[in-house]
Amino acid sequence: MPQRLRIGTRGSPLALRQTEIVAKRLIEHGAEAEIVTVRTSGDLFLDRPLHMISGQGLFVREIDERMLSGEIDLAVHSMKDLPSKRPERLRIAAIMKRDSPCDILLTKDGSGLDDLKSGAVIGTSSMRRAAQLRRARPDLVVRSLRGNLQTRLRKLHAGEYDGIVIAEAGVQRMGYHLGYKVLDPGFFVPSPNQGTIAVVSVAGTEGDALASLIDHRPSREETMVERRIMEVVGGGCLVPMAVFARHLGDRIHVTAEILSKDGERFVRLEDTVPRDGLESAERIGRRLLEMGGDELVREAVEIER
């Protein structure tokens, strides 16, 4: 009989769509799949910016608990939501082939970033995006924007914002055809693991073994390099930080930066590492801190306290 897997996920349309993508791949490998929705802390406090809600793993913690109690076999997450510190028994069994890592600017009239009038209000839920926006256009007003993708689009079209910055991957996965501008990832360097779906399992289980069959090795190599740099820098969601790793021949090219909240100060470096370059990634993280990133991290954490 095929193995029946209970797959946990948040209940937002995008989270469900991502889980359907994973379930389809598992079915192709002979499994049966049942999707189980779980309400998480991150879904309950939509009136506050993410970094102001206590603790990390706001979209993850309750799903982890369901896995550890045996209520579900696997969980599907946007990989960027996974905290660097994880429960010992849980592991990332599969990383799906990465979709676009880029940010996009969406406006009602299709304007690009340079076309926006001074004082235009731009919405984002990310401290990293906010800092990069302020660096690029200090004359814009950047405001917090929470809610699922549909809520953000509704707020834009209701006139609450002149534009919003969101991840291109989510729009693509939902199949939306919107007139947006892709922001240059060389300047708007993405968040670590952006555009990647992770499948979490309990180590050593049948679900773990099945999920490992759909792992995309190149995406794992890129995102694990990004993740290691993020772990070395620390600070969690309080720090405006960007890391983007991509394959370049037989090596991985890395761009990483840490910014001040206002975007006026930042440290940035680019380097290449081997495909299994986690030790090299650690060195990049330490170099970022030595270049002045440690001061920016401390400052960001102190501001939010």
Protein backbone atom coordinates (compact mmCIF):
# COMPACT_ATOMS: atom_id res chain seq x y z
CA MET A 1 0.00 0.00 0.00
CA PRO A 2 1.30 3.55 -0.72
CA GLN A 3 2.57 5.48 2.30
CA ARG A 4 -0.09 8.04 3.40
CA LEU A 5 1.55 11.28 4.48
CA ARG A 6 -0.14 14.01 6.52
CA ILE A 7 1.43 17.28 5.41
CA GLY A 8 1.09 20.30 7.68
CA THR A 9 0.92 23.87 6.45
CA ARG A 10 -0.44 27.30 7.23
CA GLY A 11 -3.87 28.03 5.82
CA SER A 12 -3.10 31.00 3.58
CA PRO A 13 -3.76 30.52 -0.15
CA LEU A 14 -0.04 30.75 -0.93
CA ALA A 15 0.94 28.27 1.79
CA LEU A 16 -1.70 25.84 0.53
CA ARG A 17 -0.52 26.28 -3.05
CA GLN A 18 3.06 25.53 -2.02
CA THR A 19 1.90 22.42 -0.18
CA GLU A 20 -0.04 21.26 -3.24
CA ILE A 21 3.19 21.55 -5.26
CA VAL A 22 5.00 19.34 -2.76
CA ALA A 23 2.11 16.86 -2.49
CA LYS A 24 2.03 16.45 -6.26
CA ARG A 25 5.73 15.57 -6.32
CA LEU A 26 5.32 13.06 -3.49
CA ILE A 27 2.38 11.42 -5.25
CA GLU A 28 4.59 11.02 -8.32
CA HIS A 29 6.89 8.96 -6.07
CA GLY A 30 4.08 6.66 -4.96
CA ALA A 31 2.86 8.33 -1.78
CA GLU A 32 -0.65 9.39 -0.81
CA ALA A 33 -0.95 12.88 0.64
CA GLU A 34 -3.38 14.58 3.01
CA ILE A 35 -3.00 18.33 3.64
CA VAL A 36 -3.54 19.47 7.25
CA THR A 37 -3.86 23.21 7.94
CA VAL A 38 -2.45 24.65 11.16
CA ARG A 39 -3.06 28.16 12.52
CA THR A 40 0.21 29.72 13.67
CA SER A 41 1.20 32.67 15.88
CA GLY A 42 2.23 34.66 12.82
CA ASP A 43 -1.35 34.45 11.53
CA LEU A 44 -2.88 35.86 14.72
CA PHE A 45 -1.12 39.24 15.12
CA LEU A 46 -1.68 40.97 11.81
CA ASP A 47 -1.86 44.44 13.36
CA ARG A 48 1.87 44.56 14.20
CA PRO A 49 5.06 44.40 12.12
CA LEU A 50 6.66 40.94 12.22
CA HIS A 51 9.80 42.08 14.03
CA MET A 52 7.72 43.53 16.89
CA ILE A 53 6.13 40.18 17.77
CA SER A 54 8.12 38.33 20.40
CA GLY A 55 10.12 35.28 19.39
CA GLN A 56 11.24 33.69 16.13
CA GLY A 57 9.56 31.06 14.02
CA LEU A 58 6.15 32.73 14.14
CA PHE A 59 4.91 30.74 11.15
CA VAL A 60 6.61 27.54 12.21
CA ARG A 61 6.43 26.78 15.94
CA GLU A 62 2.94 25.27 16.15
CA ILE A 63 3.56 23.15 13.05
CA ASP A 64 6.79 21.85 14.60
CA GLU A 65 4.85 20.83 17.70
CA ARG A 66 2.32 18.91 15.61
CA MET A 67 5.16 17.02 13.92
CA LEU A 68 6.92 16.15 17.14
CA SER A 69 3.65 14.88 18.66
CA GLY A 70 3.04 12.65 15.63
CA GLU A 71 -0.07 14.47 14.38
CA ILE A 72 1.53 15.20 11.00
CA ASP A 73 4.34 13.53 9.08
CA LEU A 74 5.78 16.41 7.06
CA ALA A 75 5.51 20.19 6.95
CA VAL A 76 5.87 22.64 4.08
CA HIS A 77 7.28 26.12 4.67
CA SER A 78 8.66 29.06 2.79
CA MET A 79 12.27 28.32 3.66
CA LYS A 80 12.99 31.92 4.63
CA ASP A 81 10.49 31.53 7.51
CA LEU A 82 12.48 28.72 9.14
CA PRO A 83 14.57 29.94 12.11
CA SER A 84 18.25 28.98 12.09
CA LYS A 85 17.86 27.11 15.39
CA ARG A 86 15.63 24.08 14.96
CA PRO A 87 14.36 21.24 17.17
CA GLU A 88 16.91 18.42 17.26
CA ARG A 89 14.65 15.71 15.79
CA LEU A 90 13.49 17.80 12.85
CA ARG A 91 15.41 18.26 9.63
CA ILE A 92 14.97 19.84 6.21
CA ALA A 93 14.35 16.68 4.21
CA ALA A 94 13.82 18.38 0.86
CA ILE A 95 14.39 21.75 -0.73
CA MET A 96 12.36 22.25 -3.87
CA LYS A 97 13.87 23.74 -7.01
CA ARG A 98 14.19 27.42 -6.33
CA ASP A 99 11.76 29.84 -7.95
CA SER A 100 12.58 33.50 -8.49
CA PRO A 101 14.52 34.93 -5.51
CA CYS A 102 13.72 38.50 -6.59
CA ASP A 103 11.60 41.24 -5.07
CA ILE A 104 9.06 43.06 -7.19
CA LEU A 105 7.44 46.49 -7.01
CA LEU A 106 3.74 46.49 -7.71
CA THR A 107 1.88 49.77 -8.28
CA LYS A 108 -1.62 50.48 -9.53
CA ASP A 109 -0.35 52.11 -12.74
CA GLY A 110 2.75 49.98 -13.34
CA SER A 111 5.24 52.68 -12.32
CA GLY A 112 8.82 51.71 -11.63
CA LEU A 113 10.79 52.73 -8.54
CA ASP A 114 12.36 55.76 -10.25
CA ASP A 115 8.95 56.95 -11.47
CA LEU A 116 7.34 57.23 -8.02
CA LYS A 117 6.68 60.75 -6.77
CA SER A 118 8.46 61.98 -3.66
CA GLY A 119 6.46 61.05 -0.56
CA ALA A 120 4.84 58.03 -2.19
CA VAL A 121 3.83 55.40 0.40
CA ILE A 122 5.35 51.94 -0.12
CA GLY A 123 4.29 48.91 1.91
CA THR A 124 6.43 45.97 2.96
CA SER A 125 6.57 43.49 5.84
CA SER A 126 10.36 43.12 5.63
CA MET A 127 12.96 45.20 7.50
CA ARG A 128 15.48 44.26 4.83
CA ARG A 129 13.26 45.54 2.01
CA ALA A 130 12.43 48.68 3.98
CA ALA A 131 16.12 49.49 4.50
CA GLN A 132 16.95 48.87 0.85
CA LEU A 133 14.03 51.06 -0.25
CA ARG A 134 15.19 53.87 2.02
CA ARG A 135 18.71 53.54 0.64
CA ALA A 136 17.46 53.71 -2.95
CA ARG A 137 14.77 56.38 -2.42
CA PRO A 138 15.07 58.17 0.94
CA ASP A 139 12.25 60.50 -0.13
CA LEU A 140 9.67 57.68 -0.07
CA VAL A 141 7.50 56.80 2.94
CA VAL A 142 7.93 53.13 3.87
CA ARG A 143 5.16 51.63 5.98
CA SER A 144 4.48 48.21 7.44
CA LEU A 145 2.26 45.91 5.38
CA ARG A 146 1.05 42.59 6.84
CA GLY A 147 -1.39 39.96 5.67
CA ASN A 148 -1.42 37.30 2.99
CA LEU A 149 -0.80 38.09 -0.67
CA GLN A 150 -4.46 38.70 -1.43
CA THR A 151 -4.80 41.11 1.51
CA ARG A 152 -1.74 43.07 0.38
CA LEU A 153 -3.06 43.37 -3.17
CA ARG A 154 -6.44 44.52 -1.85
CA LYS A 155 -4.81 47.23 0.30
CA LEU A 156 -2.83 48.45 -2.70
CA HIS A 157 -5.90 48.72 -4.92
CA ALA A 158 -7.88 50.36 -2.10
CA GLY A 159 -5.37 53.21 -2.18
CA GLU A 160 -3.76 52.58 1.22
CA TYR A 161 -0.37 52.38 -0.49
CA ASP A 162 1.08 53.81 -3.70
CA GLY A 163 3.09 50.64 -4.16
CA ILE A 164 4.02 47.42 -2.41
CA VAL A 165 7.18 45.32 -2.50
CA ILE A 166 6.67 41.56 -2.34
CA ALA A 167 8.41 38.37 -3.48
CA GLU A 168 8.04 37.45 -7.14
CA ALA A 169 7.95 33.73 -6.32
CA GLY A 170 4.61 33.98 -4.50
CA VAL A 171 2.94 35.79 -7.40
CA GLN A 172 4.27 33.21 -9.85
CA ARG A 173 3.15 30.24 -7.74
CA MET A 174 -0.37 31.66 -7.48
CA GLY A 175 -0.49 32.12 -11.25
CA TYR A 176 -1.26 35.83 -11.02
CA HIS A 177 -0.57 37.93 -14.11
CA LEU A 178 0.22 41.36 -12.69
CA GLY A 179 2.02 44.30 -14.20
CA TYR A 180 5.01 44.60 -11.89
CA LYS A 181 8.65 45.68 -12.00
CA VAL A 182 11.36 43.23 -10.93
CA LEU A 183 13.83 44.93 -8.59
CA ASP A 184 17.48 44.34 -9.49
CA PRO A 185 18.80 41.60 -7.13
CA GLY A 186 22.24 43.17 -7.40
CA PHE A 187 20.91 46.20 -5.50
CA PHE A 188 17.85 44.76 -3.78
CA VAL A 189 19.76 41.69 -2.63
CA PRO A 190 17.17 39.08 -1.55
CA SER A 191 16.66 37.66 1.92
CA PRO A 192 18.37 34.33 2.68
CA ASN A 193 16.38 31.43 1.16
CA GLN A 194 13.85 33.66 -0.60
CA GLY A 195 11.98 31.85 -3.37
CA THR A 196 12.53 28.40 -1.86
CA ILE A 197 10.06 25.85 -0.46
CA ALA A 198 11.34 23.57 2.32
CA VAL A 199 9.89 20.23 3.38
CA VAL A 200 10.54 19.42 7.06
CA SER A 201 10.44 15.91 8.49
CA VAL A 202 11.17 13.97 11.66
CA ALA A 203 14.57 12.41 11.07
CA GLY A 204 14.60 8.68 10.37
CA THR A 205 10.89 8.28 9.57
CA GLU A 206 9.26 6.95 6.40
CA GLY A 207 8.10 10.46 5.62
CA ASP A 208 11.69 11.65 5.91
CA ALA A 209 12.86 9.02 3.43
CA LEU A 210 10.10 9.80 0.94
CA ALA A 211 10.60 13.56 1.14
CA SER A 212 14.33 13.20 0.45
CA LEU A 213 13.44 11.81 -2.99
CA ILE A 214 12.20 15.24 -4.15
CA ASP A 215 15.22 17.23 -2.90
CA HIS A 216 16.81 19.55 -5.51
CA ARG A 217 20.52 19.45 -4.84
CA PRO A 218 21.57 22.75 -6.55
CA SER A 219 18.93 24.67 -4.61
CA ARG A 220 20.03 22.95 -1.39
CA GLU A 221 23.65 23.97 -2.01
CA GLU A 222 22.71 27.62 -2.63
CA THR A 223 20.28 28.01 0.23
CA MET A 224 22.46 26.23 2.78
CA VAL A 225 25.30 28.64 2.01
CA GLU A 226 22.88 31.54 2.58
CA ARG A 227 21.60 29.95 5.76
CA ARG A 228 25.08 29.46 7.22
CA ILE A 229 25.95 33.13 6.66
CA MET A 230 22.67 34.13 8.33
CA GLU A 231 23.47 31.89 11.33
CA VAL A 232 26.91 33.45 11.77
CA VAL A 233 25.59 37.01 11.59
CA GLY A 234 22.65 36.33 13.96
CA GLY A 235 20.05 38.87 15.01
CA GLY A 236 17.09 37.05 13.47
CA CYS A 237 14.28 39.09 11.92
CA LEU A 238 15.42 42.24 13.76
CA VAL A 239 18.38 42.78 11.42
CA PRO A 240 18.05 44.14 7.86
CA MET A 241 20.19 41.49 6.20
CA ALA A 242 20.43 40.08 2.67
CA VAL A 243 22.23 37.05 1.27
CA PHE A 244 21.96 35.70 -2.26
CA ALA A 245 23.92 32.66 -3.45
CA ARG A 246 23.71 31.33 -7.00
CA HIS A 247 25.63 28.76 -9.00
CA LEU A 248 28.28 30.19 -11.30
CA GLY A 249 30.00 27.36 -13.12
CA ASP A 250 31.39 24.89 -10.60
CA ARG A 251 31.30 27.42 -7.75
CA ILE A 252 28.67 29.46 -5.94
CA HIS A 253 28.70 33.25 -6.15
CA VAL A 254 27.59 35.02 -2.96
CA THR A 255 26.41 38.59 -2.40
CA ALA A 256 25.72 39.52 1.22
CA GLU A 257 24.99 42.73 3.09
CA ILE A 258 23.86 44.07 6.45
CA LEU A 259 22.12 47.44 6.56
CA SER A 260 21.15 50.02 9.13
CA LYS A 261 17.41 50.40 9.58
CA ASP A 262 17.39 53.71 7.69
CA GLY A 263 19.48 52.24 4.86
CA GLU A 264 22.08 55.00 5.11
CA ARG A 265 24.87 52.66 6.28
CA PHE A 266 25.66 49.15 5.14
CA VAL A 267 28.44 46.63 4.71
CA ARG A 268 28.52 44.45 1.65
CA LEU A 269 30.76 41.85 0.08
CA GLU A 270 30.80 39.49 -2.86
CA ASP A 271 32.76 36.26 -3.09
CA THR A 272 32.66 32.76 -4.54
CA VAL A 273 32.69 29.51 -2.55
CA PRO A 274 32.85 25.80 -3.48
CA ARG A 275 29.55 23.98 -4.02
CA ASP A 276 29.95 22.39 -0.59
CA GLY A 277 31.30 25.63 0.80
CA LEU A 278 29.75 25.89 4.27
CA GLU A 279 33.11 26.62 5.89
CA SER A 280 33.69 29.37 3.33
CA ALA A 281 30.21 30.68 4.07
CA GLU A 282 31.12 30.94 7.76
CA ARG A 283 34.15 33.02 6.80
CA ILE A 284 31.93 35.36 4.75
CA GLY A 285 29.66 35.83 7.75
CA ARG A 286 32.59 36.64 10.03
CA ARG A 287 34.04 39.06 7.48
CA LEU A 288 30.71 40.89 7.27
CA LEU A 289 30.75 41.33 11.03
CA GLU A 290 34.40 42.46 11.05
CA MET A 291 33.66 45.05 8.33
CA GLY A 292 31.25 46.79 10.69
CA GLY A 293 28.26 44.49 10.47
CA ASP A 294 28.57 43.63 14.17
CA GLU A 295 27.81 47.24 15.04
CA LEU A 296 24.81 47.32 12.69
CA VAL A 297 23.47 44.08 14.21
CA ARG A 298 23.80 45.41 17.78
CA GLU A 299 22.20 48.68 16.78
CA ALA A 300 19.23 46.99 15.11
CA VAL A 301 18.59 44.73 18.09
CA GLU A 302 18.88 47.62 20.57
CA ILE A 303 16.49 49.83 18.55
CA GLU A 304 13.76 47.18 18.63
CA ARG A 305 14.21 46.61 22.37
